[in-house]
Amino acid sequence: MDIEEIIKQRASKLEALKEKNIPLYPASVPEHGSVGDTLSTFEEGRQVTLCGRITANRSHGKVSFMDLKDSTGRIQLYVKRDTLLEDKAFLVSQLDIADIVSVSGELFKTHTGEPTLKVTDLIVLAKSLRPLPEKWHGLKDVEVRYRQRYLDLLSNEEVKKVFLSRAGIVRSIRTFLDEKGFLEVETPMMHDIAGGAAGRPFKTFHNEYAMDLYLRIAPELYLKRLLVGGLDRVYEINRSFRNEGVSTRHNPEFTMLEVYQAYADCQDMMNLTQDLICRAAKEISGKEEVVFQGKVISLKTPWPRQSFAGLVKEKFGIEPSDEPGRMLEKLQAKGLARDKDRLSRSQINKIIEDALEEGLQLNPVFITDYFTSLCPLAKTNKDNPLISDRFELYIGGMEVANAYSELNDPREQRRRFEEEVGEMDKEDAQVKRAGAPAEKREKKSVDDDYILALEHGMPPAGGLGIGIDRLVMLLTGQPSIRDVILFPLLRKQEEVSG
């Protein structure tokens, strides 16, 4: 039977119930318990009321055995029509798998020991006009799974477990930081300047103020303003947006944890990162290891360090003193870049990092000694001004965290901002002279308000960012970021098949 015929049959049942004035889609729900609690405190003869979805219906004449499922578990229902009122008996005859109902009755066990509810009353809370996918054997089409996540959750128990684990990971992070005296805060998601991190923003417009706004790339500059204001330990689990590519590791809308601690530095953030991730892993799996893409990754601390400066010198011959043009020439010699005039410093950095990722170990490793020229918001190393006080954490060959000793010198920060803006202007001019089509991007500008805040004095601080989506991927063993985001962004589709 095709889907249209099934929908037609179910719609006719709904009309039949309406004709008998049997209430459907009621405004209120009877007081009820959960299936899980009922099973854990099971007592034969007890009267209970439960709500949930019918997931199986085995009819034997005037007797039906059904399965009722809610978010906490499944229980068998025993329904004998000739013991019900006439309208309830008719209602039972019109039920379909996936209907949502409230049932009341007495608990007992069958001769096989199956916990069962003998139904004496039944109310339809929502009539399902479409069947569950593949007769409850699981939704297999990946495209449909992402577009219709509600069906994915209904059909695949393992998918539900992933998102329960995600909630547990976020809860563990909050508890960990709260215990250490950090204050959870909220900062604006709409900014009047596209800044705070490297990335292409989404643009919008505010009618009342007649002003362009940008969905935030990162909350960093607002959180550091709070350090100026005397909130010495703050964090935000935030939604950020980047108008860039989509892949197994990138979604345009994503979740980040950002943490800032006054009177701390990059080393303090390194210790914090280790402890936070290890605790989340233990609370989810009870182990200091995870299985990611079929391989076991040990989270046992301390995690080793590798020098970015050392790696790029070994692989590409690049020195921290090299200008962007010289870096590009060396990458071209290795076959990693082609168009000299159109690659910015951040693009060069992306090429280098992508090349390095391929050779990194699976176990956690801190990559340190990044070039100062690639880190406009980080302090320089006290022993070498060409190296910044920064690390990135890689696990499973994937970047998971990024941290700095935060730059708090307002004059140096302004100089770096202006240098970044000037570089972009120079790139645009090169493209224009070459006659090539210019890449559409928002013009950067110096965030004068942030500089003003720094001029009032920001204490030395360590800052940390962790990609929550990627961390959940690792700790739950999922191959794609779409598998850990309930509703990932997809291409527009005119029609999704039933």
Protein backbone atom coordinates (compact mmCIF):
# COMPACT_ATOMS: atom_id res chain seq x y z
CA MET A 1 0.00 0.00 0.00
CA ASP A 2 1.46 3.36 -0.98
CA ILE A 3 1.77 6.32 1.35
CA GLU A 4 -1.14 8.25 -0.13
CA GLU A 5 -3.50 5.33 0.42
CA ILE A 6 -2.34 4.98 4.03
CA ILE A 7 -2.94 8.70 4.67
CA LYS A 8 -6.39 8.43 3.07
CA GLN A 9 -7.35 5.48 5.30
CA ARG A 10 -6.16 7.22 8.44
CA ALA A 11 -8.01 10.41 7.54
CA SER A 12 -11.21 8.39 7.10
CA LYS A 13 -10.78 6.94 10.60
CA LEU A 14 -10.37 10.44 11.99
CA GLU A 15 -13.62 11.50 10.31
CA ALA A 16 -15.41 8.42 11.66
CA LEU A 17 -14.36 9.36 15.19
CA LYS A 18 -15.56 12.93 14.67
CA GLU A 19 -18.94 11.69 13.47
CA LYS A 20 -19.41 9.86 16.77
CA ASN A 21 -18.39 13.01 18.66
CA ILE A 22 -15.36 11.30 20.17
CA PRO A 23 -13.01 14.10 21.32
CA LEU A 24 -9.74 14.41 19.43
CA TYR A 25 -6.77 16.72 20.14
CA PRO A 26 -8.06 17.66 23.64
CA ALA A 27 -6.91 20.88 25.28
CA SER A 28 -5.91 19.21 28.55
CA VAL A 29 -4.17 15.97 29.47
CA PRO A 30 -5.15 13.71 32.40
CA GLU A 31 -2.76 13.59 35.34
CA HIS A 32 -0.37 10.78 34.57
CA GLY A 33 2.94 9.11 35.39
CA SER A 34 5.82 8.02 33.19
CA VAL A 35 6.36 4.54 31.77
CA GLY A 36 9.85 4.38 33.22
CA ASP A 37 8.73 5.17 36.77
CA THR A 38 5.80 2.77 36.45
CA LEU A 39 8.09 -0.09 35.47
CA SER A 40 10.71 0.69 38.11
CA THR A 41 8.06 0.70 40.88
CA PHE A 42 5.83 -1.95 39.30
CA GLU A 43 3.10 -3.31 41.59
CA GLU A 44 0.38 -5.65 40.34
CA GLY A 45 -3.13 -4.34 40.95
CA ARG A 46 -2.07 -0.69 41.07
CA GLN A 47 -4.18 1.80 39.09
CA VAL A 48 -2.17 4.10 36.81
CA THR A 49 -2.63 6.55 33.95
CA LEU A 50 0.04 6.83 31.26
CA CYS A 51 0.51 8.89 28.10
CA GLY A 52 2.52 7.98 25.04
CA ARG A 53 2.65 6.80 21.44
CA ILE A 54 1.36 3.44 20.20
CA THR A 55 4.27 1.65 18.55
CA ALA A 56 2.76 -1.79 18.00
CA ASN A 57 -0.75 -3.22 17.76
CA ARG A 58 -1.34 -6.98 17.79
CA SER A 59 -5.06 -7.67 17.43
CA HIS A 60 -6.69 -11.02 18.27
CA GLY A 61 -10.40 -10.57 17.62
CA LYS A 62 -11.84 -8.48 20.45
CA VAL A 63 -8.52 -8.48 22.32
CA SER A 64 -5.55 -6.29 21.38
CA PHE A 65 -2.02 -6.17 22.72
CA MET A 66 -0.36 -2.82 22.08
CA ASP A 67 2.96 -1.23 22.94
CA LEU A 68 2.89 2.23 24.49
CA LYS A 69 6.11 4.24 24.44
CA ASP A 70 7.09 7.56 26.01
CA SER A 71 10.52 9.15 26.43
CA THR A 72 11.28 6.95 29.44
CA GLY A 73 10.35 3.47 28.23
CA ARG A 74 7.84 1.02 26.73
CA ILE A 75 5.01 -0.97 28.32
CA GLN A 76 2.54 -3.49 26.94
CA LEU A 77 -1.18 -2.66 26.92
CA TYR A 78 -3.95 -5.27 27.14
CA VAL A 79 -7.22 -4.01 25.67
CA LYS A 80 -10.42 -6.08 25.75
CA ARG A 81 -13.09 -4.25 23.77
CA ASP A 82 -16.19 -5.87 25.29
CA THR A 83 -15.22 -4.56 28.73
CA LEU A 84 -15.08 -0.96 27.46
CA LEU A 85 -17.90 1.50 26.92
CA GLU A 86 -19.32 1.42 23.39
CA ASP A 87 -17.62 4.63 22.22
CA LYS A 88 -14.28 3.50 23.69
CA ALA A 89 -14.53 0.12 21.97
CA PHE A 90 -15.15 1.87 18.66
CA LEU A 91 -12.23 4.21 19.39
CA VAL A 92 -9.90 1.23 19.87
CA SER A 93 -11.00 -0.15 16.48
CA GLN A 94 -9.89 3.09 14.81
CA LEU A 95 -6.44 3.30 16.41
CA ASP A 96 -3.29 3.24 14.29
CA ILE A 97 0.36 2.78 15.12
CA ALA A 98 1.85 6.21 15.96
CA ASP A 99 -1.38 7.56 17.54
CA ILE A 100 -0.73 9.37 20.82
CA VAL A 101 -3.05 8.32 23.64
CA SER A 102 -3.76 8.49 27.35
CA VAL A 103 -4.58 5.11 28.94
CA SER A 104 -5.79 4.22 32.42
CA GLY A 105 -6.07 0.82 34.04
CA GLU A 106 -4.65 -1.83 36.34
CA LEU A 107 -1.13 -3.24 36.27
CA PHE A 108 -0.56 -7.00 36.00
CA LYS A 109 1.90 -9.49 34.58
CA THR A 110 1.11 -11.97 31.83
CA HIS A 111 1.86 -15.68 32.19
CA THR A 112 5.23 -14.97 30.53
CA GLY A 113 6.02 -12.31 33.14
CA GLU A 114 5.51 -9.31 30.84
CA PRO A 115 4.59 -6.11 32.77
CA THR A 116 1.26 -5.05 31.28
CA LEU A 117 -1.47 -2.46 31.77
CA LYS A 118 -5.06 -3.74 31.51
CA VAL A 119 -6.78 -0.75 29.89
CA THR A 120 -10.14 0.39 31.28
CA ASP A 121 -10.16 3.86 29.70
CA LEU A 122 -8.48 5.38 26.66
CA ILE A 123 -8.34 8.91 25.21
CA VAL A 124 -6.82 9.91 21.88
CA LEU A 125 -4.52 12.91 22.37
CA ALA A 126 -3.33 13.16 18.76
CA LYS A 127 -4.25 11.13 15.68
CA SER A 128 -1.30 10.30 13.44
CA LEU A 129 -2.20 10.75 9.78
CA ARG A 130 1.10 9.36 8.55
CA PRO A 131 2.79 6.05 9.43
CA LEU A 132 6.07 5.75 11.21
CA PRO A 133 8.99 5.24 8.80
CA GLU A 134 9.70 1.73 7.58
CA LYS A 135 7.25 0.17 9.99
CA TRP A 136 9.38 1.16 12.98
CA HIS A 137 12.47 -0.71 11.76
CA GLY A 138 14.51 2.45 11.50
CA LEU A 139 14.90 5.41 9.21
CA LYS A 140 17.75 4.71 6.79
CA ASP A 141 17.72 7.63 4.32
CA VAL A 142 20.34 10.05 5.65
CA GLU A 143 18.84 13.07 3.88
CA VAL A 144 15.40 12.40 5.39
CA ARG A 145 16.97 11.74 8.79
CA TYR A 146 18.40 15.27 8.89
CA ARG A 147 15.39 17.02 7.34
CA GLN A 148 12.86 15.22 9.51
CA ARG A 149 14.81 14.73 12.72
CA TYR A 150 11.59 14.00 14.62
CA LEU A 151 11.22 10.79 12.61
CA ASP A 152 14.89 9.99 13.15
CA LEU A 153 14.44 10.29 16.92
CA LEU A 154 11.27 8.17 16.84
CA SER A 155 12.83 5.45 14.73
CA ASN A 156 16.45 5.22 15.86
CA GLU A 157 17.11 4.72 19.55
CA GLU A 158 20.84 5.25 19.04
CA VAL A 159 20.18 8.73 17.63
CA LYS A 160 18.15 9.61 20.72
CA LYS A 161 21.05 8.42 22.91
CA VAL A 162 23.44 10.76 21.07
CA PHE A 163 21.33 13.81 21.89
CA LEU A 164 20.80 12.69 25.47
CA SER A 165 24.60 12.43 25.70
CA ARG A 166 24.96 15.89 24.18
CA ALA A 167 22.73 17.31 26.90
CA GLY A 168 24.80 15.44 29.49
CA ILE A 169 28.05 16.84 28.11
CA VAL A 170 26.75 20.42 28.22
CA ARG A 171 25.42 19.85 31.73
CA SER A 172 28.81 18.49 32.81
CA ILE A 173 30.58 21.56 31.39
CA ARG A 174 28.23 23.94 33.21
CA THR A 175 28.60 22.10 36.50
CA PHE A 176 32.40 21.99 36.18
CA LEU A 177 32.69 25.73 35.51
CA ASP A 178 30.11 26.71 38.12
CA GLU A 179 32.02 24.73 40.74
CA LYS A 180 35.16 26.68 39.85
CA GLY A 181 33.44 30.01 40.43
CA PHE A 182 32.75 30.97 36.81
CA LEU A 183 29.63 33.01 36.06
CA GLU A 184 27.48 32.05 33.07
CA VAL A 185 26.52 35.13 31.06
CA GLU A 186 24.75 36.06 27.83
CA THR A 187 26.12 38.52 25.28
CA PRO A 188 24.59 39.95 22.09
CA MET A 189 24.10 37.75 19.04
CA MET A 190 23.71 40.77 16.75
CA HIS A 191 26.78 42.99 16.36
CA ASP A 192 27.21 46.30 14.58
CA ILE A 193 30.75 45.31 13.56
CA ALA A 194 31.67 42.00 11.95
CA GLY A 195 34.51 41.01 14.25
CA GLY A 196 35.71 39.05 17.23
CA ALA A 197 37.23 36.27 15.13
CA ALA A 198 38.20 35.38 11.58
CA GLY A 199 35.21 34.41 9.47
CA ARG A 200 32.59 35.65 7.03
CA PRO A 201 29.46 36.94 8.79
CA PHE A 202 25.75 36.71 8.07
CA LYS A 203 24.31 40.17 7.54
CA THR A 204 20.90 41.49 8.58
CA PHE A 205 19.16 44.85 8.98
CA HIS A 206 17.37 46.46 11.93
CA ASN A 207 14.40 48.50 10.75
CA GLU A 208 13.85 50.68 13.83
CA TYR A 209 17.46 51.89 14.00
CA ALA A 210 17.97 51.70 10.21
CA MET A 211 21.31 49.96 10.71
CA ASP A 212 23.17 46.97 9.34
CA LEU A 213 23.89 44.23 11.85
CA TYR A 214 25.84 40.98 11.75
CA LEU A 215 25.13 37.66 13.42
CA ARG A 216 28.07 37.10 15.70
CA ILE A 217 31.11 35.18 14.56
CA ALA A 218 32.17 34.87 18.20
CA PRO A 219 31.28 36.50 21.56
CA GLU A 220 34.90 37.08 22.51
CA LEU A 221 35.10 40.88 22.59
CA TYR A 222 31.93 41.26 24.65
CA LEU A 223 33.08 38.67 27.17
CA LYS A 224 36.39 40.47 27.61
CA ARG A 225 34.51 43.71 28.22
CA LEU A 226 33.06 41.92 31.26
CA LEU A 227 36.59 41.33 32.57
CA VAL A 228 37.08 45.09 32.39
CA GLY A 229 33.85 45.44 34.38
CA GLY A 230 35.19 43.32 37.23
CA LEU A 231 33.58 39.95 36.44
CA ASP A 232 36.77 37.95 36.77
CA ARG A 233 35.50 34.52 35.67
CA VAL A 234 32.87 34.31 32.96
CA TYR A 235 31.69 31.82 30.38
CA GLU A 236 29.05 31.56 27.69
CA ILE A 237 27.72 28.53 25.84
CA ASN A 238 26.81 30.44 22.74
CA ARG A 239 25.36 30.12 19.27
CA SER A 240 27.66 31.63 16.66
CA PHE A 241 27.36 31.93 12.89
CA ARG A 242 29.81 31.86 9.99
CA ASN A 243 28.70 32.31 6.39
CA GLU A 244 31.15 29.77 5.05
CA GLY A 245 31.42 26.19 3.81
CA VAL A 246 29.55 23.14 5.05
CA SER A 247 31.30 19.84 5.72
CA THR A 248 31.36 16.95 8.17
CA ARG A 249 33.09 19.36 10.60
CA HIS A 250 31.38 22.66 9.77
CA ASN A 251 27.82 23.94 10.07
CA PRO A 252 27.01 27.64 9.49
CA GLU A 253 25.26 27.77 12.89
CA PHE A 254 27.23 26.16 15.69
CA THR A 255 27.67 26.05 19.46
CA MET A 256 30.78 27.27 21.23
CA LEU A 257 31.92 27.42 24.81
CA GLU A 258 33.99 30.52 25.56
CA VAL A 259 35.66 30.95 28.96
CA TYR A 260 37.63 33.94 30.29
CA GLN A 261 39.55 34.07 33.55
CA ALA A 262 41.23 37.19 34.90
CA TYR A 263 44.75 36.88 36.34
CA ALA A 264 45.31 33.68 34.38
CA ASP A 265 47.18 32.77 31.19
CA CYS A 266 47.43 30.25 28.39
CA GLN A 267 48.89 27.58 30.69
CA ASP A 268 45.94 27.91 33.08
CA MET A 269 43.58 27.43 30.10
CA MET A 270 45.50 24.32 29.10
CA ASN A 271 44.96 22.77 32.52
CA LEU A 272 41.31 23.83 32.52
CA THR A 273 40.74 22.28 29.08
CA GLN A 274 42.19 18.92 30.08
CA ASP A 275 40.16 18.71 33.26
CA LEU A 276 36.91 19.87 31.66
CA ILE A 277 37.02 17.42 28.72
CA CYS A 278 38.16 14.47 30.81
CA ARG A 279 35.36 15.04 33.30
CA ALA A 280 32.74 15.24 30.55
CA ALA A 281 34.06 12.01 29.00
CA LYS A 282 33.99 10.15 32.32
CA GLU A 283 30.46 11.32 33.11
CA ILE A 284 29.19 10.18 29.70
CA SER A 285 31.05 6.86 29.31
CA GLY A 286 32.80 6.25 32.63
CA LYS A 287 36.11 5.91 30.76
CA GLU A 288 39.23 7.91 29.92
CA GLU A 289 38.97 6.84 26.29
CA VAL A 290 36.58 7.24 23.38
CA VAL A 291 36.05 5.37 20.12
CA PHE A 292 36.02 7.76 17.15
CA GLN A 293 35.68 6.53 13.58
CA GLY A 294 36.52 3.01 14.67
CA LYS A 295 39.71 3.95 16.53
CA VAL A 296 40.32 4.14 20.27
CA ILE A 297 41.51 7.55 21.52
CA SER A 298 43.06 7.74 24.98
CA LEU A 299 42.28 10.88 27.00
CA LYS A 300 44.75 10.04 29.74
CA THR A 301 46.53 13.18 30.96
CA PRO A 302 48.86 15.00 30.73
CA TRP A 303 48.40 15.66 27.02
CA PRO A 304 51.56 16.23 24.95
CA ARG A 305 52.52 19.43 23.14
CA GLN A 306 53.84 20.07 19.65
CA SER A 307 55.24 23.32 18.28
CA PHE A 308 53.39 24.88 15.34
CA ALA A 309 56.53 26.83 14.47
CA GLY A 310 58.56 23.63 14.50
CA LEU A 311 56.03 21.69 12.42
CA VAL A 312 55.70 24.31 9.67
CA LYS A 313 59.46 24.77 9.44
CA GLU A 314 59.94 21.03 9.10
CA LYS A 315 57.15 20.51 6.55
CA PHE A 316 57.18 23.76 4.56
CA GLY A 317 60.35 25.64 5.48
CA ILE A 318 58.21 28.51 6.81
CA GLU A 319 59.68 30.78 9.50
CA PRO A 320 57.71 33.03 11.91
CA SER A 321 59.52 36.06 10.44
CA ASP A 322 58.25 35.32 6.90
CA GLU A 323 55.88 37.84 5.34
CA PRO A 324 52.60 36.41 3.96
CA GLY A 325 53.94 36.60 0.41
CA ARG A 326 57.01 34.55 1.34
CA MET A 327 54.86 32.01 3.18
CA LEU A 328 52.72 31.67 0.07
CA GLU A 329 55.75 31.09 -2.15
CA LYS A 330 56.88 28.25 0.09
CA LEU A 331 53.40 26.72 0.07
CA GLN A 332 53.33 27.00 -3.72
CA ALA A 333 56.63 25.14 -3.87
CA LYS A 334 54.95 22.29 -1.99
CA GLY A 335 51.95 22.35 -4.34
CA LEU A 336 49.56 23.63 -1.65
CA ALA A 337 48.70 27.05 -3.13
CA ARG A 338 48.43 28.68 -6.56
CA ASP A 339 46.92 32.18 -6.72
CA LYS A 340 49.48 34.42 -4.99
CA ASP A 341 47.57 37.72 -5.07
CA ARG A 342 44.28 36.43 -3.68
CA LEU A 343 45.34 34.61 -0.53
CA SER A 344 45.04 36.49 2.75
CA ARG A 345 47.03 35.80 5.87
CA SER A 346 44.09 33.91 7.39
CA GLN A 347 43.69 31.85 4.22
CA ILE A 348 47.36 30.97 4.28
CA ASN A 349 46.99 29.95 7.91
CA LYS A 350 44.01 27.73 6.94
CA ILE A 351 46.07 25.96 4.25
CA ILE A 352 48.86 25.32 6.75
CA GLU A 353 46.51 24.02 9.44
CA ASP A 354 44.66 21.73 7.01
CA ALA A 355 47.97 20.27 5.87
CA LEU A 356 49.12 19.76 9.45
CA GLU A 357 45.88 18.06 10.52
CA GLU A 358 46.54 15.15 8.19
CA GLY A 359 49.68 14.17 10.07
CA LEU A 360 48.51 14.66 13.66
CA GLN A 361 48.06 11.79 16.06
CA LEU A 362 44.58 10.72 17.16
CA ASN A 363 45.20 11.17 20.88
CA PRO A 364 44.91 14.72 22.28
CA VAL A 365 47.78 17.07 21.47
CA PHE A 366 48.25 20.76 22.23
CA ILE A 367 49.70 22.69 19.28
CA THR A 368 51.65 25.67 20.65
CA ASP A 369 54.01 28.38 19.32
CA TYR A 370 51.70 29.97 16.75
CA PHE A 371 53.04 32.95 14.82
CA THR A 372 52.14 36.32 16.30
CA SER A 373 51.19 37.52 12.79
CA LEU A 374 48.37 34.93 12.77
CA CYS A 375 47.02 35.77 16.26
CA PRO A 376 45.75 39.37 16.48
CA LEU A 377 44.08 38.91 19.89
CA ALA A 378 46.83 37.00 21.72
CA LYS A 379 49.81 38.19 23.74
CA THR A 380 53.28 37.51 22.40
CA ASN A 381 55.59 35.02 24.05
CA LYS A 382 57.84 36.73 26.58
CA ASP A 383 60.94 35.08 25.07
CA ASN A 384 60.11 35.56 21.37
CA PRO A 385 57.91 38.39 20.03
CA LEU A 386 57.33 36.48 16.77
CA ILE A 387 55.52 33.70 18.67
CA SER A 388 52.16 34.12 20.39
CA ASP A 389 51.07 32.73 23.74
CA ARG A 390 48.39 30.49 22.25
CA PHE A 391 47.46 26.85 21.80
CA GLU A 392 45.01 24.82 19.78
CA LEU A 393 43.86 21.40 20.96
CA TYR A 394 43.51 18.59 18.43
CA ILE A 395 41.80 15.29 19.17
CA GLY A 396 41.18 12.67 16.49
CA GLY A 397 43.08 14.94 14.10
CA MET A 398 40.40 17.62 14.52
CA GLU A 399 40.65 21.05 16.14
CA VAL A 400 38.50 21.09 19.29
CA ALA A 401 39.76 24.05 21.33
CA ASN A 402 41.65 27.32 20.96
CA ALA A 403 43.12 29.44 23.79
CA TYR A 404 45.19 32.58 24.34
CA SER A 405 46.89 34.64 26.93
CA GLU A 406 44.65 37.56 26.02
CA LEU A 407 46.17 40.76 24.66
CA ASN A 408 45.21 43.59 27.05
CA ASP A 409 47.42 46.43 25.76
CA PRO A 410 44.96 48.85 24.04
CA ARG A 411 47.59 50.53 21.85
CA GLU A 412 49.00 47.26 20.60
CA GLN A 413 45.49 45.93 20.04
CA ARG A 414 44.59 48.98 17.94
CA ARG A 415 47.79 48.59 15.92
CA ARG A 416 46.97 44.97 15.16
CA PHE A 417 43.36 45.75 14.23
CA GLU A 418 44.53 48.52 11.89
CA GLU A 419 47.13 46.21 10.37
CA GLU A 420 44.43 43.60 9.71
CA VAL A 421 42.15 46.17 8.05
CA GLY A 422 45.03 47.48 5.96
CA GLU A 423 45.93 44.02 4.78
CA MET A 424 42.38 43.41 3.57
CA ASP A 425 42.36 46.74 1.72
CA LYS A 426 45.65 45.83 0.04
CA GLU A 427 44.28 42.43 -1.04
CA ASP A 428 41.18 44.05 -2.52
CA ALA A 429 43.34 46.53 -4.44
CA GLN A 430 45.49 43.70 -5.84
CA VAL A 431 42.42 41.86 -7.04
CA LYS A 432 41.03 45.00 -8.67
CA ARG A 433 44.32 45.70 -10.50
CA ALA A 434 44.42 42.12 -11.75
CA GLY A 435 40.93 42.52 -13.19
CA ALA A 436 39.70 39.41 -11.38
CA PRO A 437 36.20 39.30 -9.87
CA ALA A 438 36.40 40.42 -6.25
CA GLU A 439 35.21 38.04 -3.56
CA LYS A 440 32.14 39.47 -1.87
CA ARG A 441 33.00 40.08 1.77
CA GLU A 442 32.20 42.57 4.50
CA LYS A 443 34.77 45.29 5.05
CA LYS A 444 36.49 44.99 8.40
CA SER A 445 36.80 47.98 10.69
CA VAL A 446 38.48 48.67 14.00
CA ASP A 447 36.22 48.02 17.00
CA ASP A 448 36.75 51.38 18.71
CA ASP A 449 34.37 50.55 21.54
CA TYR A 450 36.42 47.48 22.46
CA ILE A 451 39.61 49.55 22.40
CA LEU A 452 37.86 52.08 24.66
CA ALA A 453 37.09 49.29 27.13
CA LEU A 454 40.73 48.16 27.09
CA GLU A 455 41.84 51.73 27.79
CA HIS A 456 40.01 51.51 31.12
CA GLY A 457 42.23 48.53 31.98
CA MET A 458 41.60 44.83 31.42
CA PRO A 459 43.39 42.48 33.81
CA PRO A 460 45.72 39.88 32.33
CA ALA A 461 43.55 36.91 31.40
CA GLY A 462 43.38 33.52 29.80
CA GLY A 463 40.66 32.86 27.23
CA LEU A 464 39.43 29.53 25.91
CA GLY A 465 37.05 28.46 23.15
CA ILE A 466 35.78 24.88 22.72
CA GLY A 467 33.64 23.71 19.83
CA ILE A 468 30.75 21.94 21.56
CA ASP A 469 29.54 20.23 18.38
CA ARG A 470 32.96 18.77 17.63
CA LEU A 471 33.46 17.73 21.25
CA VAL A 472 30.13 15.90 21.17
CA MET A 473 31.17 14.22 17.90
CA LEU A 474 34.28 12.87 19.60
CA LEU A 475 32.69 11.77 22.86
CA THR A 476 29.76 10.03 21.10
CA GLY A 477 31.76 8.61 18.18
CA GLN A 478 29.77 10.38 15.44
CA PRO A 479 31.39 10.87 12.00
CA SER A 480 29.61 14.10 11.03
CA ILE A 481 28.68 17.34 12.78
CA ARG A 482 25.17 16.86 11.34
CA ASP A 483 24.79 13.80 13.55
CA VAL A 484 25.11 15.89 16.72
CA ILE A 485 23.04 18.95 15.68
CA LEU A 486 19.31 18.34 15.95
CA PHE A 487 18.44 20.47 12.92
CA PRO A 488 21.52 21.09 10.72
CA LEU A 489 21.27 23.57 7.86
CA LEU A 490 20.49 21.84 4.55
CA ARG A 491 19.95 22.96 0.99
CA LYS A 492 16.39 24.04 0.29
CA GLN A 493 14.21 21.23 -0.96
CA GLU A 494 10.87 21.89 -2.60
CA GLU A 495 9.27 18.70 -1.43
CA VAL A 496 10.23 16.00 1.07
CA SER A 497 8.71 12.62 0.30
CA GLY A 498 6.51 11.08 2.97
